[in-house]
C-alpha atoms as a PDB file:
ATOM      1  CA  UNK A   1    -173.554 147.213  16.437  1.00  0.00           C
ATOM      2  CA  UNK A   2    -169.852 146.366  16.221  1.00  0.00           C
ATOM      3  CA  UNK A   3    -168.450 145.896  12.740  1.00  0.00           C
ATOM      4  CA  UNK A   4    -166.033 143.039  12.247  1.00  0.00           C
ATOM      5  CA  UNK A   5    -163.638 143.252   9.292  1.00  0.00           C
ATOM      6  CA  UNK A   6    -162.841 140.203   7.179  1.00  0.00           C
ATOM      7  CA  UNK A   7    -160.497 139.873   4.213  1.00  0.00           C
ATOM      8  CA  UNK A   8    -160.283 137.038   1.685  1.00  0.00           C
ATOM      9  CA  UNK A   9    -158.355 136.371  -1.491  1.00  0.00           C
ATOM     10  CA  UNK A  10    -159.548 134.515  -4.552  1.00  0.00           C
ATOM     11  CA  UNK A  11    -159.287 133.813  -8.233  1.00  0.00           C
ATOM     12  CA  UNK A  12    -161.742 134.359 -11.034  1.00  0.00           C
ATOM     13  CA  UNK A  13    -160.693 131.320 -13.101  1.00  0.00           C
ATOM     14  CA  UNK A  14    -160.866 131.641 -16.878  1.00  0.00           C
ATOM     15  CA  UNK A  15    -160.222 129.271 -19.744  1.00  0.00           C
ATOM     16  CA  UNK A  16    -160.373 129.834 -23.475  1.00  0.00           C
ATOM     17  CA  UNK A  17    -162.204 127.088 -25.351  1.00  0.00           C
ATOM     18  CA  UNK A  18    -162.729 127.260 -29.109  1.00  0.00           C
ATOM     19  CA  UNK A  19    -161.916 130.977 -29.096  1.00  0.00           C
ATOM     20  CA  UNK A  20    -164.422 131.740 -26.313  1.00  0.00           C
ATOM     21  CA  UNK A  21    -163.674 132.613 -22.682  1.00  0.00           C
ATOM     22  CA  UNK A  22    -165.370 130.603 -19.960  1.00  0.00           C
ATOM     23  CA  UNK A  23    -165.485 131.138 -16.192  1.00  0.00           C
ATOM     24  CA  UNK A  24    -165.271 128.444 -13.523  1.00  0.00           C
ATOM     25  CA  UNK A  25    -167.793 128.920 -10.712  1.00  0.00           C
ATOM     26  CA  UNK A  26    -168.226 127.022  -7.484  1.00  0.00           C
ATOM     27  CA  UNK A  27    -171.248 126.431  -5.275  1.00  0.00           C
ATOM     28  CA  UNK A  28    -170.424 126.529  -1.568  1.00  0.00           C
ATOM     29  CA  UNK A  29    -171.670 123.721   0.683  1.00  0.00           C
ATOM     30  CA  UNK A  30    -172.675 125.765   3.698  1.00  0.00           C
ATOM     31  CA  UNK A  31    -174.534 128.673   2.108  1.00  0.00           C
ATOM     32  CA  UNK A  32    -175.350 127.221  -1.314  1.00  0.00           C
ATOM     33  CA  UNK A  33    -174.352 130.409  -3.107  1.00  0.00           C
ATOM     34  CA  UNK A  34    -172.518 130.399  -6.446  1.00  0.00           C
ATOM     35  CA  UNK A  35    -169.335 132.433  -6.755  1.00  0.00           C
ATOM     36  CA  UNK A  36    -165.567 132.208  -7.160  1.00  0.00           C
ATOM     37  CA  UNK A  37    -162.943 130.229  -5.235  1.00  0.00           C
ATOM     38  CA  UNK A  38    -161.617 132.258  -2.302  1.00  0.00           C
ATOM     39  CA  UNK A  39    -160.409 132.023   1.273  1.00  0.00           C
ATOM     40  CA  UNK A  40    -158.324 133.521   4.038  1.00  0.00           C
ATOM     41  CA  UNK A  41    -154.552 133.903   3.967  1.00  0.00           C
ATOM     42  CA  UNK A  42    -152.387 131.728   6.157  1.00  0.00           C
ATOM     43  CA  UNK A  43    -149.636 133.335   8.274  1.00  0.00           C
ATOM     44  CA  UNK A  44    -146.845 134.871   6.143  1.00  0.00           C
ATOM     45  CA  UNK A  45    -148.766 134.231   2.913  1.00  0.00           C
ATOM     46  CA  UNK A  46    -149.135 137.007   0.332  1.00  0.00           C
ATOM     47  CA  UNK A  47    -152.597 137.784  -1.066  1.00  0.00           C
ATOM     48  CA  UNK A  48    -151.641 136.208  -4.394  1.00  0.00           C
ATOM     49  CA  UNK A  49    -150.249 133.066  -2.724  1.00  0.00           C
ATOM     50  CA  UNK A  50    -153.443 132.722  -0.666  1.00  0.00           C
ATOM     51  CA  UNK A  51    -155.651 133.165  -3.743  1.00  0.00           C
ATOM     52  CA  UNK A  52    -153.892 130.486  -5.783  1.00  0.00           C
ATOM     53  CA  UNK A  53    -153.610 128.071  -2.825  1.00  0.00           C
ATOM     54  CA  UNK A  54    -157.379 128.377  -2.292  1.00  0.00           C
ATOM     55  CA  UNK A  55    -158.003 127.822  -6.016  1.00  0.00           C
ATOM     56  CA  UNK A  56    -155.904 124.640  -5.911  1.00  0.00           C
ATOM     57  CA  UNK A  57    -157.511 123.377  -2.689  1.00  0.00           C
ATOM     58  CA  UNK A  58    -161.096 124.036  -3.769  1.00  0.00           C
ATOM     59  CA  UNK A  59    -160.919 123.074  -7.473  1.00  0.00           C
ATOM     60  CA  UNK A  60    -157.508 121.487  -8.210  1.00  0.00           C
ATOM     61  CA  UNK A  61    -157.064 124.106 -10.985  1.00  0.00           C
ATOM     62  CA  UNK A  62    -153.703 125.846 -11.379  1.00  0.00           C
ATOM     63  CA  UNK A  63    -152.440 129.132 -12.750  1.00  0.00           C
ATOM     64  CA  UNK A  64    -151.451 129.261 -16.417  1.00  0.00           C
ATOM     65  CA  UNK A  65    -151.174 133.050 -16.673  1.00  0.00           C
ATOM     66  CA  UNK A  66    -152.457 136.142 -14.925  1.00  0.00           C
ATOM     67  CA  UNK A  67    -154.849 138.000 -17.211  1.00  0.00           C
ATOM     68  CA  UNK A  68    -154.390 141.186 -15.190  1.00  0.00           C
ATOM     69  CA  UNK A  69    -151.615 141.916 -12.678  1.00  0.00           C
ATOM     70  CA  UNK A  70    -153.730 143.970 -10.297  1.00  0.00           C
ATOM     71  CA  UNK A  71    -156.592 142.209  -8.522  1.00  0.00           C
ATOM     72  CA  UNK A  72    -160.180 143.416  -8.622  1.00  0.00           C
ATOM     73  CA  UNK A  73    -161.802 144.261  -5.320  1.00  0.00           C
ATOM     74  CA  UNK A  74    -165.220 143.254  -4.034  1.00  0.00           C
ATOM     75  CA  UNK A  75    -166.714 144.709  -0.852  1.00  0.00           C
ATOM     76  CA  UNK A  76    -169.932 143.913   0.943  1.00  0.00           C
ATOM     77  CA  UNK A  77    -171.501 143.749   4.389  1.00  0.00           C
ATOM     78  CA  UNK A  78    -173.447 140.871   5.914  1.00  0.00           C
ATOM     79  CA  UNK A  79    -174.706 139.692   9.298  1.00  0.00           C
ATOM     80  CA  UNK A  80    -173.198 136.567  10.895  1.00  0.00           C
ATOM     81  CA  UNK A  81    -173.920 135.450  14.463  1.00  0.00           C
ATOM     82  CA  UNK A  82    -175.766 138.752  15.064  1.00  0.00           C
ATOM     83  CA  UNK A  83    -172.647 140.741  14.105  1.00  0.00           C
ATOM     84  CA  UNK A  84    -172.191 142.995  11.104  1.00  0.00           C
ATOM     85  CA  UNK A  85    -169.231 141.879   8.976  1.00  0.00           C
ATOM     86  CA  UNK A  86    -167.523 144.142   6.442  1.00  0.00           C
ATOM     87  CA  UNK A  87    -165.942 141.804   3.894  1.00  0.00           C
ATOM     88  CA  UNK A  88    -163.292 142.705   1.339  1.00  0.00           C
ATOM     89  CA  UNK A  89    -162.163 140.195  -1.272  1.00  0.00           C
ATOM     90  CA  UNK A  90    -159.284 140.671  -3.709  1.00  0.00           C
ATOM     91  CA  UNK A  91    -159.736 138.561  -6.843  1.00  0.00           C
ATOM     92  CA  UNK A  92    -156.959 137.774  -9.305  1.00  0.00           C
ATOM     93  CA  UNK A  93    -158.142 137.207 -12.866  1.00  0.00           C
ATOM     94  CA  UNK A  94    -156.268 134.273 -14.312  1.00  0.00           C
ATOM     95  CA  UNK A  95    -156.258 131.749 -17.079  1.00  0.00           C
ATOM     96  CA  UNK A  96    -156.167 128.353 -15.389  1.00  0.00           C
ATOM     97  CA  UNK A  97    -155.861 124.732 -16.341  1.00  0.00           C
ATOM     98  CA  UNK A  98    -155.851 121.220 -14.966  1.00  0.00           C
ATOM     99  CA  UNK A  99    -158.366 118.570 -14.088  1.00  0.00           C
ATOM    100  CA  UNK A 100    -161.180 119.753 -11.833  1.00  0.00           C
ATOM    101  CA  UNK A 101    -161.454 117.931  -8.510  1.00  0.00           C
ATOM    102  CA  UNK A 102    -163.775 119.714  -6.083  1.00  0.00           C
ATOM    103  CA  UNK A 103    -163.001 119.895  -2.363  1.00  0.00           C
ATOM    104  CA  UNK A 104    -166.069 118.042  -1.078  1.00  0.00           C
ATOM    105  CA  UNK A 105    -165.749 119.424   2.478  1.00  0.00           C
ATOM    106  CA  UNK A 106    -166.401 122.981   1.268  1.00  0.00           C
ATOM    107  CA  UNK A 107    -167.640 122.853  -2.334  1.00  0.00           C
ATOM    108  CA  UNK A 108    -170.978 121.357  -3.380  1.00  0.00           C
ATOM    109  CA  UNK A 109    -170.719 121.849  -7.142  1.00  0.00           C
ATOM    110  CA  UNK A 110    -168.748 123.645  -9.820  1.00  0.00           C
ATOM    111  CA  UNK A 111    -168.478 124.067 -13.544  1.00  0.00           C
ATOM    112  CA  UNK A 112    -167.346 126.038 -16.575  1.00  0.00           C
ATOM    113  CA  UNK A 113    -169.805 128.630 -17.877  1.00  0.00           C
ATOM    114  CA  UNK A 114    -169.926 131.172 -20.681  1.00  0.00           C
ATOM    115  CA  UNK A 115    -170.042 134.768 -19.439  1.00  0.00           C
ATOM    116  CA  UNK A 116    -173.834 135.087 -19.919  1.00  0.00           C
ATOM    117  CA  UNK A 117    -174.375 131.760 -18.103  1.00  0.00           C
ATOM    118  CA  UNK A 118    -171.986 132.778 -15.314  1.00  0.00           C
ATOM    119  CA  UNK A 119    -173.690 136.151 -14.803  1.00  0.00           C
ATOM    120  CA  UNK A 120    -177.053 134.358 -14.556  1.00  0.00           C
ATOM    121  CA  UNK A 121    -175.698 131.757 -12.094  1.00  0.00           C
ATOM    122  CA  UNK A 122    -173.595 133.895  -9.713  1.00  0.00           C
ATOM    123  CA  UNK A 123    -175.699 134.516  -6.626  1.00  0.00           C
ATOM    124  CA  UNK A 124    -174.607 137.989  -5.504  1.00  0.00           C
ATOM    125  CA  UNK A 125    -174.744 141.243  -7.457  1.00  0.00           C
ATOM    126  CA  UNK A 126    -171.098 142.030  -6.624  1.00  0.00           C
ATOM    127  CA  UNK A 127    -170.017 138.895  -8.529  1.00  0.00           C
ATOM    128  CA  UNK A 128    -172.219 139.784 -11.489  1.00  0.00           C
ATOM    129  CA  UNK A 129    -170.610 143.245 -11.580  1.00  0.00           C
ATOM    130  CA  UNK A 130    -167.095 141.743 -11.545  1.00  0.00           C
ATOM    131  CA  UNK A 131    -167.974 139.405 -14.408  1.00  0.00           C
ATOM    132  CA  UNK A 132    -169.279 142.319 -16.492  1.00  0.00           C
ATOM    133  CA  UNK A 133    -166.015 144.244 -15.857  1.00  0.00           C
ATOM    134  CA  UNK A 134    -163.878 141.256 -16.830  1.00  0.00           C
ATOM    135  CA  UNK A 135    -165.859 140.460 -19.965  1.00  0.00           C
ATOM    136  CA  UNK A 136    -165.344 144.042 -21.179  1.00  0.00           C
ATOM    137  CA  UNK A 137    -161.578 143.882 -20.640  1.00  0.00           C
ATOM    138  CA  UNK A 138    -160.951 140.430 -22.160  1.00  0.00           C
ATOM    139  CA  UNK A 139    -161.027 141.381 -25.872  1.00  0.00           C
ATOM    140  CA  UNK A 140    -158.313 143.990 -25.211  1.00  0.00           C
ATOM    141  CA  UNK A 141    -156.001 141.568 -23.411  1.00  0.00           C
END
């Protein structure tokens, strides 16, 4: 079976409310899974530019500050149209702000969640693992 490679860029959006970090999650229309805003880069767009454009398009949220300069990487394989796809996603961890307006064409639902709530809601194990990594690093940042 041929393996197709796919690369996306996204943001794990954070906000501090009453001294507690929260994570913004989205639920995708097509698959129904809960995760983080992400998408493909446009021509001549850097990974970081693509990540923050997708965040803005999907949620209307904007960057306040990067929490960590280097992105975290997520990798997984899935089957689409009877082809195996190897997917790599680079996620920037960022404090964000603004008024949420979901992109109805792609996003079914979204909301702010505490870390325990977010870990319970995220559909895929890879996302749960990323959240655990981020939660451990936040007190030191």
